[in-house]
Amino acid sequence: MSYMKTKTKAFVDELLADPKLSQTEAYIRTHSTTSRKSAGVSASKLLATPSVLIYMQEHTDRARQRIVSLVDSAKKEEIQLRASQDILDRTFGKPTQHAEVVARGITLNIDLSSALED
């Protein structure tokens, strides 16, 4: 594993633990700043560093392996199905859902030429 400062590792671990968390919020939680603007800039810079990229890739690889193993090893069929669907969605993309939309409108014509004559 690559060397990372304690706060940097904490920042990345926050992001990995909660995928819905913004990078700005994760930075604010793990560093001594309250400025959202500087936190966003600093978070972006950290996420581009080689040590952080390697660390995140290691976790991503383990997560992929876990999902693949669940297809065969999970005791509940529901979990096997969800793991299979996840693999298919990540490989081929989620299926397109078609929706039928019916729109009705009213056409309104207003003659303003008499108002311009004044």
PDB file of N, CA and C in Angstrom:
ATOM      1  N   MET A   1       0.837  -1.182   0.000  1.00  0.00           N
ATOM      2  CA  MET A   1       0.000   0.000   0.000  1.00  0.00           C
ATOM      3  C   MET A   1       0.880   1.243   0.000  1.00  0.00           C
ATOM      4  N   SER A   2       0.452   2.248  -0.700  1.00  0.00           N
ATOM      5  CA  SER A   2       1.186   3.503  -0.784  1.00  0.00           C
ATOM      6  C   SER A   2       1.047   4.284   0.516  1.00  0.00           C
ATOM      7  N   TYR A   3       2.056   5.132   0.772  1.00  0.00           N
ATOM      8  CA  TYR A   3       2.021   5.968   1.960  1.00  0.00           C
ATOM      9  C   TYR A   3       1.039   7.118   1.766  1.00  0.00           C
ATOM     10  N   MET A   4       0.214   7.331   2.797  1.00  0.00           N
ATOM     11  CA  MET A   4      -0.686   8.477   2.825  1.00  0.00           C
ATOM     12  C   MET A   4      -0.686   9.056   4.226  1.00  0.00           C
ATOM     13  N   LYS A   5      -0.867  10.340   4.324  1.00  0.00           N
ATOM     14  CA  LYS A   5      -1.001  10.980   5.622  1.00  0.00           C
ATOM     15  C   LYS A   5      -2.283  10.474   6.289  1.00  0.00           C
ATOM     16  N   THR A   6      -2.316  10.532   7.605  1.00  0.00           N
ATOM     17  CA  THR A   6      -3.455  10.032   8.375  1.00  0.00           C
ATOM     18  C   THR A   6      -4.761  10.707   7.960  1.00  0.00           C
ATOM     19  N   LYS A   7      -4.730  12.026   7.802  1.00  0.00           N
ATOM     20  CA  LYS A   7      -5.953  12.754   7.427  1.00  0.00           C
ATOM     21  C   LYS A   7      -6.389  12.416   6.000  1.00  0.00           C
ATOM     22  N   THR A   8      -5.431  12.201   5.126  1.00  0.00           N
ATOM     23  CA  THR A   8      -5.768  11.842   3.750  1.00  0.00           C
ATOM     24  C   THR A   8      -6.446  10.481   3.716  1.00  0.00           C
ATOM     25  N   LYS A   9      -5.905   9.515   4.465  1.00  0.00           N
ATOM     26  CA  LYS A   9      -6.505   8.183   4.526  1.00  0.00           C
ATOM     27  C   LYS A   9      -7.907   8.263   5.127  1.00  0.00           C
ATOM     28  N   ALA A  10      -8.070   9.063   6.170  1.00  0.00           N
ATOM     29  CA  ALA A  10      -9.384   9.237   6.792  1.00  0.00           C
ATOM     30  C   ALA A  10     -10.381   9.821   5.794  1.00  0.00           C
ATOM     31  N   PHE A  11      -9.924  10.791   4.999  1.00  0.00           N
ATOM     32  CA  PHE A  11     -10.754  11.412   3.971  1.00  0.00           C
ATOM     33  C   PHE A  11     -11.221  10.373   2.949  1.00  0.00           C
ATOM     34  N   VAL A  12     -10.297   9.575   2.444  1.00  0.00           N
ATOM     35  CA  VAL A  12     -10.642   8.562   1.439  1.00  0.00           C
ATOM     36  C   VAL A  12     -11.548   7.494   2.053  1.00  0.00           C
ATOM     37  N   ASP A  13     -11.258   7.093   3.277  1.00  0.00           N
ATOM     38  CA  ASP A  13     -12.104   6.093   3.949  1.00  0.00           C
ATOM     39  C   ASP A  13     -13.529   6.607   4.133  1.00  0.00           C
ATOM     40  N   GLU A  14     -13.685   7.897   4.410  1.00  0.00           N
ATOM     41  CA  GLU A  14     -15.027   8.500   4.510  1.00  0.00           C
ATOM     42  C   GLU A  14     -15.770   8.350   3.182  1.00  0.00           C
ATOM     43  N   LEU A  15     -15.083   8.650   2.091  1.00  0.00           N
ATOM     44  CA  LEU A  15     -15.704   8.531   0.767  1.00  0.00           C
ATOM     45  C   LEU A  15     -16.069   7.091   0.440  1.00  0.00           C
ATOM     46  N   LEU A  16     -15.183   6.168   0.770  1.00  0.00           N
ATOM     47  CA  LEU A  16     -15.446   4.758   0.481  1.00  0.00           C
ATOM     48  C   LEU A  16     -16.570   4.201   1.346  1.00  0.00           C
ATOM     49  N   ALA A  17     -16.691   4.689   2.566  1.00  0.00           N
ATOM     50  CA  ALA A  17     -17.712   4.193   3.484  1.00  0.00           C
ATOM     51  C   ALA A  17     -19.107   4.687   3.119  1.00  0.00           C
ATOM     52  N   ASP A  18     -19.183   5.877   2.544  1.00  0.00           N
ATOM     53  CA  ASP A  18     -20.489   6.454   2.218  1.00  0.00           C
ATOM     54  C   ASP A  18     -20.457   7.032   0.807  1.00  0.00           C
ATOM     55  N   PRO A  19     -20.863   6.238  -0.179  1.00  0.00           N
ATOM     56  CA  PRO A  19     -20.812   6.699  -1.578  1.00  0.00           C
ATOM     57  C   PRO A  19     -21.661   7.942  -1.860  1.00  0.00           C
ATOM     58  N   LYS A  20     -22.631   8.229  -1.001  1.00  0.00           N
ATOM     59  CA  LYS A  20     -23.486   9.396  -1.215  1.00  0.00           C
ATOM     60  C   LYS A  20     -22.864  10.679  -0.676  1.00  0.00           C
ATOM     61  N   LEU A  21     -21.780  10.535   0.062  1.00  0.00           N
ATOM     62  CA  LEU A  21     -21.106  11.686   0.661  1.00  0.00           C
ATOM     63  C   LEU A  21     -20.297  12.437  -0.403  1.00  0.00           C
ATOM     64  N   SER A  22     -20.420  13.745  -0.423  1.00  0.00           N
ATOM     65  CA  SER A  22     -19.648  14.525  -1.388  1.00  0.00           C
ATOM     66  C   SER A  22     -18.191  14.589  -0.931  1.00  0.00           C
ATOM     67  N   GLN A  23     -17.301  14.778  -1.890  1.00  0.00           N
ATOM     68  CA  GLN A  23     -15.883  14.881  -1.547  1.00  0.00           C
ATOM     69  C   GLN A  23     -15.631  16.105  -0.680  1.00  0.00           C
ATOM     70  N   THR A  24     -16.375  17.162  -0.895  1.00  0.00           N
ATOM     71  CA  THR A  24     -16.229  18.371  -0.079  1.00  0.00           C
ATOM     72  C   THR A  24     -16.595  18.080   1.372  1.00  0.00           C
ATOM     73  N   GLU A  25     -17.719  17.401   1.579  1.00  0.00           N
ATOM     74  CA  GLU A  25     -18.165  17.087   2.932  1.00  0.00           C
ATOM     75  C   GLU A  25     -17.185  16.143   3.623  1.00  0.00           C
ATOM     76  N   ALA A  26     -16.674  15.165   2.897  1.00  0.00           N
ATOM     77  CA  ALA A  26     -15.695  14.238   3.470  1.00  0.00           C
ATOM     78  C   ALA A  26     -14.436  14.986   3.893  1.00  0.00           C
ATOM     79  N   TYR A  27     -14.013  15.950   3.089  1.00  0.00           N
ATOM     80  CA  TYR A  27     -12.823  16.737   3.422  1.00  0.00           C
ATOM     81  C   TYR A  27     -13.066  17.570   4.674  1.00  0.00           C
ATOM     82  N   ILE A  28     -14.227  18.195   4.760  1.00  0.00           N
ATOM     83  CA  ILE A  28     -14.553  19.016   5.930  1.00  0.00           C
ATOM     84  C   ILE A  28     -14.581  18.149   7.200  1.00  0.00           C
ATOM     85  N   ARG A  29     -15.101  16.931   7.082  1.00  0.00           N
ATOM     86  CA  ARG A  29     -15.169  16.035   8.243  1.00  0.00           C
ATOM     87  C   ARG A  29     -13.790  15.607   8.737  1.00  0.00           C
ATOM     88  N   THR A  30     -12.823  15.554   7.848  1.00  0.00           N
ATOM     89  CA  THR A  30     -11.520  14.986   8.213  1.00  0.00           C
ATOM     90  C   THR A  30     -10.384  16.006   8.302  1.00  0.00           C
ATOM     91  N   HIS A  31     -10.637  17.223   7.924  1.00  0.00           N
ATOM     92  CA  HIS A  31      -9.602  18.256   7.955  1.00  0.00           C
ATOM     93  C   HIS A  31     -10.108  19.480   8.715  1.00  0.00           C
ATOM     94  N   SER A  32      -9.197  20.331   9.093  1.00  0.00           N
ATOM     95  CA  SER A  32      -9.532  21.517   9.889  1.00  0.00           C
ATOM     96  C   SER A  32      -9.888  22.691   8.985  1.00  0.00           C
ATOM     97  N   THR A  33     -11.048  22.613   8.389  1.00  0.00           N
ATOM     98  CA  THR A  33     -11.517  23.724   7.558  1.00  0.00           C
ATOM     99  C   THR A  33     -13.034  23.758   7.598  1.00  0.00           C
ATOM    100  N   THR A  34     -13.583  24.934   7.449  1.00  0.00           N
ATOM    101  CA  THR A  34     -15.034  25.082   7.353  1.00  0.00           C
ATOM    102  C   THR A  34     -15.415  25.707   6.016  1.00  0.00           C
ATOM    103  N   SER A  35     -14.428  26.098   5.256  1.00  0.00           N
ATOM    104  CA  SER A  35     -14.682  26.713   3.951  1.00  0.00           C
ATOM    105  C   SER A  35     -15.000  25.628   2.929  1.00  0.00           C
ATOM    106  N   ARG A  36     -16.212  25.638   2.430  1.00  0.00           N
ATOM    107  CA  ARG A  36     -16.626  24.634   1.455  1.00  0.00           C
ATOM    108  C   ARG A  36     -15.826  24.776   0.151  1.00  0.00           C
ATOM    109  N   LYS A  37     -15.521  26.015  -0.211  1.00  0.00           N
ATOM    110  CA  LYS A  37     -14.784  26.234  -1.454  1.00  0.00           C
ATOM    111  C   LYS A  37     -13.375  25.647  -1.373  1.00  0.00           C
ATOM    112  N   SER A  38     -12.654  25.964  -0.303  1.00  0.00           N
ATOM    113  CA  SER A  38     -11.284  25.438  -0.187  1.00  0.00           C
ATOM    114  C   SER A  38     -11.307  23.926   0.040  1.00  0.00           C
ATOM    115  N   ALA A  39     -12.316  23.430   0.747  1.00  0.00           N
ATOM    116  CA  ALA A  39     -12.424  21.982   0.956  1.00  0.00           C
ATOM    117  C   ALA A  39     -12.648  21.263  -0.372  1.00  0.00           C
ATOM    118  N   GLY A  40     -13.477  21.836  -1.231  1.00  0.00           N
ATOM    119  CA  GLY A  40     -13.728  21.229  -2.536  1.00  0.00           C
ATOM    120  C   GLY A  40     -12.485  21.189  -3.409  1.00  0.00           C
ATOM    121  N   VAL A  41     -11.747  22.289  -3.400  1.00  0.00           N
ATOM    122  CA  VAL A  41     -10.506  22.359  -4.186  1.00  0.00           C
ATOM    123  C   VAL A  41      -9.475  21.370  -3.645  1.00  0.00           C
ATOM    124  N   SER A  42      -9.309  21.367  -2.333  1.00  0.00           N
ATOM    125  CA  SER A  42      -8.324  20.473  -1.719  1.00  0.00           C
ATOM    126  C   SER A  42      -8.707  19.003  -1.918  1.00  0.00           C
ATOM    127  N   ALA A  43      -9.984  18.699  -1.815  1.00  0.00           N
ATOM    128  CA  ALA A  43     -10.452  17.322  -2.023  1.00  0.00           C
ATOM    129  C   ALA A  43     -10.155  16.868  -3.447  1.00  0.00           C
ATOM    130  N   SER A  44     -10.415  17.724  -4.412  1.00  0.00           N
ATOM    131  CA  SER A  44     -10.135  17.376  -5.812  1.00  0.00           C
ATOM    132  C   SER A  44      -8.657  17.105  -6.037  1.00  0.00           C
ATOM    133  N   LYS A  45      -7.819  17.932  -5.440  1.00  0.00           N
ATOM    134  CA  LYS A  45      -6.367  17.738  -5.574  1.00  0.00           C
ATOM    135  C   LYS A  45      -5.937  16.410  -4.949  1.00  0.00           C
ATOM    136  N   LEU A  46      -6.465  16.108  -3.747  1.00  0.00           N
ATOM    137  CA  LEU A  46      -6.111  14.850  -3.088  1.00  0.00           C
ATOM    138  C   LEU A  46      -6.541  13.634  -3.917  1.00  0.00           C
ATOM    139  N   LEU A  47      -7.731  13.709  -4.494  1.00  0.00           N
ATOM    140  CA  LEU A  47      -8.248  12.572  -5.266  1.00  0.00           C
ATOM    141  C   LEU A  47      -7.454  12.327  -6.545  1.00  0.00           C
ATOM    142  N   ALA A  48      -6.638  13.272  -6.940  1.00  0.00           N
ATOM    143  CA  ALA A  48      -5.824  13.115  -8.143  1.00  0.00           C
ATOM    144  C   ALA A  48      -4.404  12.630  -7.840  1.00  0.00           C
ATOM    145  N   THR A  49      -4.064  12.503  -6.558  1.00  0.00           N
ATOM    146  CA  THR A  49      -2.705  12.074  -6.214  1.00  0.00           C
ATOM    147  C   THR A  49      -2.548  10.569  -6.410  1.00  0.00           C
ATOM    148  N   PRO A  50      -1.380  10.132  -6.845  1.00  0.00           N
ATOM    149  CA  PRO A  50      -1.165   8.709  -7.115  1.00  0.00           C
ATOM    150  C   PRO A  50      -1.444   7.799  -5.923  1.00  0.00           C
ATOM    151  N   SER A  51      -1.041   8.194  -4.727  1.00  0.00           N
ATOM    152  CA  SER A  51      -1.248   7.321  -3.564  1.00  0.00           C
ATOM    153  C   SER A  51      -2.736   7.114  -3.283  1.00  0.00           C
ATOM    154  N   VAL A  52      -3.533   8.163  -3.446  1.00  0.00           N
ATOM    155  CA  VAL A  52      -4.979   8.049  -3.224  1.00  0.00           C
ATOM    156  C   VAL A  52      -5.616   7.204  -4.325  1.00  0.00           C
ATOM    157  N   LEU A  53      -5.208   7.415  -5.561  1.00  0.00           N
ATOM    158  CA  LEU A  53      -5.750   6.622  -6.670  1.00  0.00           C
ATOM    159  C   LEU A  53      -5.455   5.135  -6.481  1.00  0.00           C
ATOM    160  N   ILE A  54      -4.248   4.818  -6.060  1.00  0.00           N
ATOM    161  CA  ILE A  54      -3.869   3.416  -5.829  1.00  0.00           C
ATOM    162  C   ILE A  54      -4.704   2.835  -4.683  1.00  0.00           C
ATOM    163  N   TYR A  55      -4.832   3.574  -3.606  1.00  0.00           N
ATOM    164  CA  TYR A  55      -5.606   3.113  -2.445  1.00  0.00           C
ATOM    165  C   TYR A  55      -7.063   2.853  -2.828  1.00  0.00           C
ATOM    166  N   MET A  56      -7.653   3.764  -3.575  1.00  0.00           N
ATOM    167  CA  MET A  56      -9.047   3.595  -3.988  1.00  0.00           C
ATOM    168  C   MET A  56      -9.188   2.420  -4.951  1.00  0.00           C
ATOM    169  N   GLN A  57      -8.228   2.234  -5.837  1.00  0.00           N
ATOM    170  CA  GLN A  57      -8.264   1.114  -6.783  1.00  0.00           C
ATOM    171  C   GLN A  57      -8.209  -0.220  -6.049  1.00  0.00           C
ATOM    172  N   GLU A  58      -7.384  -0.301  -4.992  1.00  0.00           N
ATOM    173  CA  GLU A  58      -7.298  -1.527  -4.201  1.00  0.00           C
ATOM    174  C   GLU A  58      -8.656  -1.880  -3.602  1.00  0.00           C
ATOM    175  N   HIS A  59      -9.354  -0.876  -3.081  1.00  0.00           N
ATOM    176  CA  HIS A  59     -10.674  -1.116  -2.497  1.00  0.00           C
ATOM    177  C   HIS A  59     -11.704  -1.465  -3.563  1.00  0.00           C
ATOM    178  N   THR A  60     -11.614  -0.845  -4.705  1.00  0.00           N
ATOM    179  CA  THR A  60     -12.530  -1.145  -5.794  1.00  0.00           C
ATOM    180  C   THR A  60     -12.345  -2.577  -6.273  1.00  0.00           C
ATOM    181  N   ASP A  61     -11.107  -3.014  -6.401  1.00  0.00           N
ATOM    182  CA  ASP A  61     -10.838  -4.388  -6.833  1.00  0.00           C
ATOM    183  C   ASP A  61     -11.410  -5.398  -5.843  1.00  0.00           C
ATOM    184  N   ARG A  62     -11.230  -5.137  -4.551  1.00  0.00           N
ATOM    185  CA  ARG A  62     -11.775  -6.042  -3.531  1.00  0.00           C
ATOM    186  C   ARG A  62     -13.296  -6.068  -3.570  1.00  0.00           C
ATOM    187  N   ALA A  63     -13.907  -4.923  -3.801  1.00  0.00           N
ATOM    188  CA  ALA A  63     -15.368  -4.862  -3.874  1.00  0.00           C
ATOM    189  C   ALA A  63     -15.877  -5.663  -5.067  1.00  0.00           C
ATOM    190  N   ARG A  64     -15.205  -5.539  -6.201  1.00  0.00           N
ATOM    191  CA  ARG A  64     -15.598  -6.312  -7.387  1.00  0.00           C
ATOM    192  C   ARG A  64     -15.494  -7.812  -7.122  1.00  0.00           C
ATOM    193  N   GLN A  65     -14.388  -8.214  -6.511  1.00  0.00           N
ATOM    194  CA  GLN A  65     -14.194  -9.640  -6.208  1.00  0.00           C
ATOM    195  C   GLN A  65     -15.283 -10.144  -5.263  1.00  0.00           C
ATOM    196  N   ARG A  66     -15.663  -9.323  -4.311  1.00  0.00           N
ATOM    197  CA  ARG A  66     -16.712  -9.715  -3.352  1.00  0.00           C
ATOM    198  C   ARG A  66     -18.043  -9.889  -4.057  1.00  0.00           C
ATOM    199  N   ILE A  67     -18.384  -8.994  -4.949  1.00  0.00           N
ATOM    200  CA  ILE A  67     -19.651  -9.097  -5.680  1.00  0.00           C
ATOM    201  C   ILE A  67     -19.669 -10.366  -6.527  1.00  0.00           C
ATOM    202  N   VAL A  68     -18.570 -10.643  -7.205  1.00  0.00           N
ATOM    203  CA  VAL A  68     -18.487 -11.855  -8.027  1.00  0.00           C
ATOM    204  C   VAL A  68     -18.631 -13.101  -7.157  1.00  0.00           C
ATOM    205  N   SER A  69     -17.988 -13.116  -5.997  1.00  0.00           N
ATOM    206  CA  SER A  69     -18.071 -14.298  -5.131  1.00  0.00           C
ATOM    207  C   SER A  69     -19.482 -14.506  -4.585  1.00  0.00           C
ATOM    208  N   LEU A  70     -20.240 -13.423  -4.394  1.00  0.00           N
ATOM    209  CA  LEU A  70     -21.607 -13.542  -3.883  1.00  0.00           C
ATOM    210  C   LEU A  70     -22.545 -14.242  -4.862  1.00  0.00           C
ATOM    211  N   VAL A  71     -22.235 -14.168  -6.149  1.00  0.00           N
ATOM    212  CA  VAL A  71     -23.086 -14.819  -7.146  1.00  0.00           C
ATOM    213  C   VAL A  71     -23.222 -16.312  -6.839  1.00  0.00           C
ATOM    214  N   ASP A  72     -22.152 -16.953  -6.434  1.00  0.00           N
ATOM    215  CA  ASP A  72     -22.186 -18.389  -6.157  1.00  0.00           C
ATOM    216  C   ASP A  72     -22.241 -18.737  -4.673  1.00  0.00           C
ATOM    217  N   SER A  73     -21.670 -17.890  -3.817  1.00  0.00           N
ATOM    218  CA  SER A  73     -21.499 -18.298  -2.425  1.00  0.00           C
ATOM    219  C   SER A  73     -22.566 -17.787  -1.462  1.00  0.00           C
ATOM    220  N   ALA A  74     -23.345 -16.798  -1.846  1.00  0.00           N
ATOM    221  CA  ALA A  74     -24.352 -16.267  -0.927  1.00  0.00           C
ATOM    222  C   ALA A  74     -25.397 -17.338  -0.625  1.00  0.00           C
ATOM    223  N   LYS A  75     -25.819 -17.401   0.618  1.00  0.00           N
ATOM    224  CA  LYS A  75     -26.794 -18.413   1.015  1.00  0.00           C
ATOM    225  C   LYS A  75     -28.196 -18.068   0.524  1.00  0.00           C
ATOM    226  N   LYS A  76     -28.502 -16.807   0.464  1.00  0.00           N
ATOM    227  CA  LYS A  76     -29.832 -16.388   0.015  1.00  0.00           C
ATOM    228  C   LYS A  76     -29.826 -16.131  -1.488  1.00  0.00           C
ATOM    229  N   GLU A  77     -30.830 -16.662  -2.149  1.00  0.00           N
ATOM    230  CA  GLU A  77     -30.930 -16.486  -3.599  1.00  0.00           C
ATOM    231  C   GLU A  77     -31.111 -15.015  -3.966  1.00  0.00           C
ATOM    232  N   GLU A  78     -31.779 -14.257  -3.096  1.00  0.00           N
ATOM    233  CA  GLU A  78     -31.988 -12.834  -3.356  1.00  0.00           C
ATOM    234  C   GLU A  78     -30.645 -12.097  -3.472  1.00  0.00           C
ATOM    235  N   ILE A  79     -29.706 -12.433  -2.606  1.00  0.00           N
ATOM    236  CA  ILE A  79     -28.387 -11.794  -2.646  1.00  0.00           C
ATOM    237  C   ILE A  79     -27.635 -12.224  -3.900  1.00  0.00           C
ATOM    238  N   GLN A  80     -27.735 -13.493  -4.275  1.00  0.00           N
ATOM    239  CA  GLN A  80     -27.101 -13.972  -5.507  1.00  0.00           C
ATOM    240  C   GLN A  80     -27.660 -13.221  -6.715  1.00  0.00           C
ATOM    241  N   LEU A  81     -28.984 -13.042  -6.731  1.00  0.00           N
ATOM    242  CA  LEU A  81     -29.626 -12.338  -7.836  1.00  0.00           C
ATOM    243  C   LEU A  81     -29.176 -10.880  -7.891  1.00  0.00           C
ATOM    244  N   ARG A  82     -29.127 -10.204  -6.744  1.00  0.00           N
ATOM    245  CA  ARG A  82     -28.710  -8.800  -6.720  1.00  0.00           C
ATOM    246  C   ARG A  82     -27.256  -8.646  -7.163  1.00  0.00           C
ATOM    247  N   ALA A  83     -26.405  -9.587  -6.748  1.00  0.00           N
ATOM    248  CA  ALA A  83     -25.001  -9.537  -7.170  1.00  0.00           C
ATOM    249  C   ALA A  83     -24.906  -9.746  -8.680  1.00  0.00           C
ATOM    250  N   SER A  84     -25.683 -10.679  -9.197  1.00  0.00           N
ATOM    251  CA  SER A  84     -25.694 -10.931 -10.649  1.00  0.00           C
ATOM    252  C   SER A  84     -26.181  -9.708 -11.408  1.00  0.00           C
ATOM    253  N   GLN A  85     -27.247  -9.089 -10.912  1.00  0.00           N
ATOM    254  CA  GLN A  85     -27.774  -7.880 -11.562  1.00  0.00           C
ATOM    255  C   GLN A  85     -26.747  -6.754 -11.531  1.00  0.00           C
ATOM    256  N   ASP A  86     -26.043  -6.622 -10.421  1.00  0.00           N
ATOM    257  CA  ASP A  86     -25.026  -5.585 -10.294  1.00  0.00           C
ATOM    258  C   ASP A  86     -23.920  -5.787 -11.319  1.00  0.00           C
ATOM    259  N   ILE A  87     -23.488  -7.027 -11.494  1.00  0.00           N
ATOM    260  CA  ILE A  87     -22.439  -7.325 -12.473  1.00  0.00           C
ATOM    261  C   ILE A  87     -22.930  -6.985 -13.881  1.00  0.00           C
ATOM    262  N   LEU A  88     -24.147  -7.397 -14.200  1.00  0.00           N
ATOM    263  CA  LEU A  88     -24.693  -7.098 -15.530  1.00  0.00           C
ATOM    264  C   LEU A  88     -24.835  -5.596 -15.747  1.00  0.00           C
ATOM    265  N   ASP A  89     -25.327  -4.884 -14.740  1.00  0.00           N
ATOM    266  CA  ASP A  89     -25.496  -3.434 -14.860  1.00  0.00           C
ATOM    267  C   ASP A  89     -24.160  -2.734 -15.071  1.00  0.00           C
ATOM    268  N   ARG A  90     -23.127  -3.197 -14.382  1.00  0.00           N
ATOM    269  CA  ARG A  90     -21.815  -2.570 -14.512  1.00  0.00           C
ATOM    270  C   ARG A  90     -21.139  -2.940 -15.831  1.00  0.00           C
ATOM    271  N   THR A  91     -21.481  -4.115 -16.353  1.00  0.00           N
ATOM    272  CA  THR A  91     -20.866  -4.561 -17.599  1.00  0.00           C
ATOM    273  C   THR A  91     -21.566  -3.969 -18.823  1.00  0.00           C
ATOM    274  N   PHE A  92     -22.893  -4.039 -18.821  1.00  0.00           N
ATOM    275  CA  PHE A  92     -23.657  -3.638 -20.000  1.00  0.00           C
ATOM    276  C   PHE A  92     -24.461  -2.359 -19.796  1.00  0.00           C
ATOM    277  N   GLY A  93     -24.477  -1.830 -18.601  1.00  0.00           N
ATOM    278  CA  GLY A  93     -25.298  -0.662 -18.302  1.00  0.00           C
ATOM    279  C   GLY A  93     -26.698  -1.109 -17.922  1.00  0.00           C
ATOM    280  N   LYS A  94     -27.382  -0.264 -17.205  1.00  0.00           N
ATOM    281  CA  LYS A  94     -28.747  -0.599 -16.796  1.00  0.00           C
ATOM    282  C   LYS A  94     -29.650  -0.567 -18.021  1.00  0.00           C
ATOM    283  N   PRO A  95     -30.649  -1.469 -18.037  1.00  0.00           N
ATOM    284  CA  PRO A  95     -31.556  -1.487 -19.191  1.00  0.00           C
ATOM    285  C   PRO A  95     -32.324  -0.173 -19.311  1.00  0.00           C
ATOM    286  N   THR A  96     -32.573   0.211 -20.545  1.00  0.00           N
ATOM    287  CA  THR A  96     -33.336   1.429 -20.808  1.00  0.00           C
ATOM    288  C   THR A  96     -34.792   1.188 -20.478  1.00  0.00           C
ATOM    289  N   GLN A  97     -35.392   2.130 -19.784  1.00  0.00           N
ATOM    290  CA  GLN A  97     -36.812   2.037 -19.482  1.00  0.00           C
ATOM    291  C   GLN A  97     -37.538   3.050 -20.349  1.00  0.00           C
ATOM    292  N   HIS A  98     -38.538   2.561 -21.048  1.00  0.00           N
ATOM    293  CA  HIS A  98     -39.302   3.427 -21.940  1.00  0.00           C
ATOM    294  C   HIS A  98     -40.530   3.944 -21.200  1.00  0.00           C
ATOM    295  N   ALA A  99     -40.854   5.192 -21.436  1.00  0.00           N
ATOM    296  CA  ALA A  99     -42.035   5.790 -20.827  1.00  0.00           C
ATOM    297  C   ALA A  99     -42.838   6.472 -21.921  1.00  0.00           C
ATOM    298  N   GLU A 100     -44.144   6.320 -21.847  1.00  0.00           N
ATOM    299  CA  GLU A 100     -45.016   6.968 -22.814  1.00  0.00           C
ATOM    300  C   GLU A 100     -45.541   8.249 -22.190  1.00  0.00           C
ATOM    301  N   VAL A 101     -45.382   9.339 -22.900  1.00  0.00           N
ATOM    302  CA  VAL A 101     -45.817  10.632 -22.393  1.00  0.00           C
ATOM    303  C   VAL A 101     -46.853  11.196 -23.353  1.00  0.00           C
ATOM    304  N   VAL A 102     -47.972  11.578 -22.801  1.00  0.00           N
ATOM    305  CA  VAL A 102     -49.033  12.191 -23.600  1.00  0.00           C
ATOM    306  C   VAL A 102     -49.147  13.644 -23.162  1.00  0.00           C
ATOM    307  N   ALA A 103     -49.029  14.542 -24.103  1.00  0.00           N
ATOM    308  CA  ALA A 103     -49.107  15.971 -23.780  1.00  0.00           C
ATOM    309  C   ALA A 103     -50.298  16.588 -24.495  1.00  0.00           C
ATOM    310  N   ARG A 104     -50.982  17.407 -23.783  1.00  0.00           N
ATOM    311  CA  ARG A 104     -52.104  18.135 -24.371  1.00  0.00           C
ATOM    312  C   ARG A 104     -51.846  19.614 -24.149  1.00  0.00           C
ATOM    313  N   GLY A 105     -52.142  20.400 -25.137  1.00  0.00           N
ATOM    314  CA  GLY A 105     -51.875  21.824 -25.003  1.00  0.00           C
ATOM    315  C   GLY A 105     -52.995  22.658 -25.579  1.00  0.00           C
ATOM    316  N   ILE A 106     -52.932  23.899 -25.264  1.00  0.00           N
ATOM    317  CA  ILE A 106     -53.906  24.866 -25.772  1.00  0.00           C
ATOM    318  C   ILE A 106     -53.131  25.899 -26.567  1.00  0.00           C
ATOM    319  N   THR A 107     -53.606  26.207 -27.739  1.00  0.00           N
ATOM    320  CA  THR A 107     -52.997  27.255 -28.544  1.00  0.00           C
ATOM    321  C   THR A 107     -53.796  28.533 -28.328  1.00  0.00           C
ATOM    322  N   LEU A 108     -53.117  29.583 -27.957  1.00  0.00           N
ATOM    323  CA  LEU A 108     -53.762  30.854 -27.676  1.00  0.00           C
ATOM    324  C   LEU A 108     -53.136  31.917 -28.568  1.00  0.00           C
ATOM    325  N   ASN A 109     -53.954  32.547 -29.402  1.00  0.00           N
ATOM    326  CA  ASN A 109     -53.480  33.621 -30.268  1.00  0.00           C
ATOM    327  C   ASN A 109     -54.073  34.939 -29.769  1.00  0.00           C
ATOM    328  N   ILE A 110     -53.225  35.901 -29.505  1.00  0.00           N
ATOM    329  CA  ILE A 110     -53.674  37.215 -29.034  1.00  0.00           C
ATOM    330  C   ILE A 110     -53.218  38.257 -30.036  1.00  0.00           C
ATOM    331  N   ASP A 111     -54.159  39.034 -30.502  1.00  0.00           N
ATOM    332  CA  ASP A 111     -53.865  40.090 -31.457  1.00  0.00           C
ATOM    333  C   ASP A 111     -53.566  41.372 -30.681  1.00  0.00           C
ATOM    334  N   LEU A 112     -52.298  41.801 -30.676  1.00  0.00           N
ATOM    335  CA  LEU A 112     -51.879  42.999 -29.962  1.00  0.00           C
ATOM    336  C   LEU A 112     -51.677  44.189 -30.915  1.00  0.00           C
ATOM    337  N   SER A 113     -52.052  44.039 -32.153  1.00  0.00           N
ATOM    338  CA  SER A 113     -51.803  45.120 -33.111  1.00  0.00           C
ATOM    339  C   SER A 113     -52.545  46.395 -32.737  1.00  0.00           C
ATOM    340  N   SER A 114     -53.726  46.277 -32.140  1.00  0.00           N
ATOM    341  CA  SER A 114     -54.443  47.486 -31.751  1.00  0.00           C
ATOM    342  C   SER A 114     -53.778  48.194 -30.591  1.00  0.00           C
ATOM    343  N   ALA A 115     -53.056  47.493 -29.739  1.00  0.00           N
ATOM    344  CA  ALA A 115     -52.346  48.121 -28.630  1.00  0.00           C
ATOM    345  C   ALA A 115     -51.150  48.894 -29.122  1.00  0.00           C
ATOM    346  N   LEU A 116     -50.557  48.516 -30.251  1.00  0.00           N
ATOM    347  CA  LEU A 116     -49.413  49.203 -30.793  1.00  0.00           C
ATOM    348  C   LEU A 116     -49.767  50.478 -31.537  1.00  0.00           C
ATOM    349  N   GLU A 117     -51.014  50.621 -31.897  1.00  0.00           N
ATOM    350  CA  GLU A 117     -51.439  51.793 -32.670  1.00  0.00           C
ATOM    351  C   GLU A 117     -51.532  53.035 -31.806  1.00  0.00           C
ATOM    352  N   ASP A 118     -51.594  52.917 -30.514  1.00  0.00           N
ATOM    353  CA  ASP A 118     -51.742  54.083 -29.623  1.00  0.00           C
ATOM    354  C   ASP A 118     -50.531  54.932 -29.534  1.00  0.00           C
TER     355      ASP A 118
END
